[in-house]
Protein backbone atom coordinates (compact mmCIF):
# COMPACT_ATOMS: atom_id res chain seq x y z
CA MET A 1 -11.84 -139.87 26.18
CA LYS A 2 -11.31 -140.47 29.89
CA ILE A 3 -13.04 -138.12 32.31
CA ASN A 4 -11.52 -137.55 35.75
CA ILE A 5 -12.61 -135.80 38.94
CA ASN A 6 -11.83 -132.04 38.71
CA ASP A 7 -11.77 -132.07 34.90
CA VAL A 8 -13.55 -129.20 33.18
CA ILE A 9 -15.62 -130.49 30.28
CA THR A 10 -17.52 -128.59 27.61
CA LEU A 11 -20.85 -130.03 26.50
CA THR A 12 -22.21 -129.78 22.96
CA ASP A 13 -24.14 -126.64 23.93
CA ASN A 14 -20.76 -125.02 24.84
CA ARG A 15 -21.54 -124.86 28.57
CA LYS A 16 -18.62 -125.76 30.84
CA PHE A 17 -18.94 -128.11 33.79
CA LEU A 18 -16.58 -129.21 36.55
CA VAL A 19 -16.64 -132.93 37.36
CA LEU A 20 -17.19 -133.22 41.12
CA ALA A 21 -17.85 -136.95 41.57
CA GLU A 22 -18.13 -140.21 39.69
CA THR A 23 -19.50 -143.67 40.33
CA LEU A 24 -20.04 -146.94 38.51
CA PHE A 25 -23.54 -148.43 38.75
CA ASN A 26 -24.73 -151.44 36.74
CA GLU A 27 -21.63 -151.18 34.54
CA THR A 28 -22.45 -147.56 33.62
CA LYS A 29 -20.30 -144.60 34.65
CA TYR A 30 -22.14 -141.64 36.21
CA TYR A 31 -20.80 -138.15 36.92
CA TYR A 32 -21.97 -135.30 39.13
CA LEU A 33 -21.27 -131.98 37.40
CA ILE A 34 -21.54 -128.33 38.39
CA GLU A 35 -21.78 -125.59 35.78
CA LEU A 36 -19.07 -122.96 35.37
CA THR A 37 -19.17 -119.51 33.83
CA GLU A 38 -18.09 -119.22 30.18
CA ASP A 39 -14.53 -118.36 31.21
CA GLY A 40 -14.47 -121.38 33.55
CA GLU A 41 -13.50 -119.25 36.54
CA GLN A 42 -16.67 -119.22 38.66
CA ILE A 43 -19.36 -121.68 39.67
CA VAL A 44 -22.94 -121.29 38.49
CA ASP A 45 -25.62 -122.91 40.66
CA HIS A 46 -26.61 -125.55 38.11
CA VAL A 47 -25.79 -129.20 38.67
CA LYS A 48 -26.33 -132.27 36.51
CA ILE A 49 -26.01 -136.00 36.82
CA VAL A 50 -24.89 -137.48 33.53
CA LYS A 51 -23.99 -140.96 32.37
CA GLU A 52 -21.66 -142.31 29.72
CA LEU A 53 -23.22 -144.07 26.78
CA LYS A 54 -20.98 -145.98 24.40
CA GLU A 55 -21.32 -145.33 20.69
CA ASP A 56 -19.61 -146.77 17.63
CA ASN A 57 -17.17 -143.86 17.48
CA GLY A 58 -16.58 -143.46 21.23
CA MET A 59 -18.88 -142.27 23.97
CA LYS A 60 -21.26 -139.46 24.81
CA LEU A 61 -22.64 -138.00 28.02
CA VAL A 62 -26.40 -138.00 28.55
CA VAL A 63 -28.26 -136.09 31.26
CA VAL A 64 -30.04 -138.41 33.69
CA SER A 65 -33.60 -137.20 34.18
CA ASP A 66 -35.34 -140.35 35.43
CA PRO A 67 -35.97 -139.87 39.20
CA ASN A 68 -35.55 -143.60 39.86
CA GLU A 69 -32.18 -143.68 38.12
CA ILE A 70 -31.06 -140.56 40.01
CA ASN A 71 -32.15 -142.19 43.26
CA ASP A 72 -30.14 -145.31 42.39
CA VAL A 73 -26.84 -143.40 41.99
CA LYS A 74 -27.12 -140.36 44.26
CA ASP A 75 -25.79 -141.98 47.43
CA ASP A 76 -22.72 -143.32 45.60
CA LEU A 77 -22.09 -139.92 44.02
CA VAL A 78 -22.31 -138.21 47.42
CA ALA A 79 -19.90 -140.78 48.88
CA SER A 80 -17.50 -140.10 45.99
CA LEU A 81 -17.86 -136.37 46.55
CA ASP A 82 -17.09 -136.74 50.27
CA LYS A 83 -14.08 -138.97 49.51
CA ASN A 84 -12.67 -136.50 46.99
CA ASN A 85 -12.97 -133.60 49.42
CA PHE A 86 -10.76 -135.36 51.97
CA GLU A 87 -7.97 -136.56 49.67
């Protein structure tokens, strides 16, 4: 499954998130997400940085909680966010 900027994705806990930015760091794809209401119409003030992990049957998204890892990707995610807002 390919994830693109502005896609709405539903996580395994059934919460919906809008993909705001993406970056590639050390051959791993990272996404900056913002939570949406259940109907997907309004923004909730919860954000997440997640990364793709490859599995035998595809891939899964995992929340990044390590402060060092967040620090490594945050500037690239902000740059991606800024770029996407001006296109």
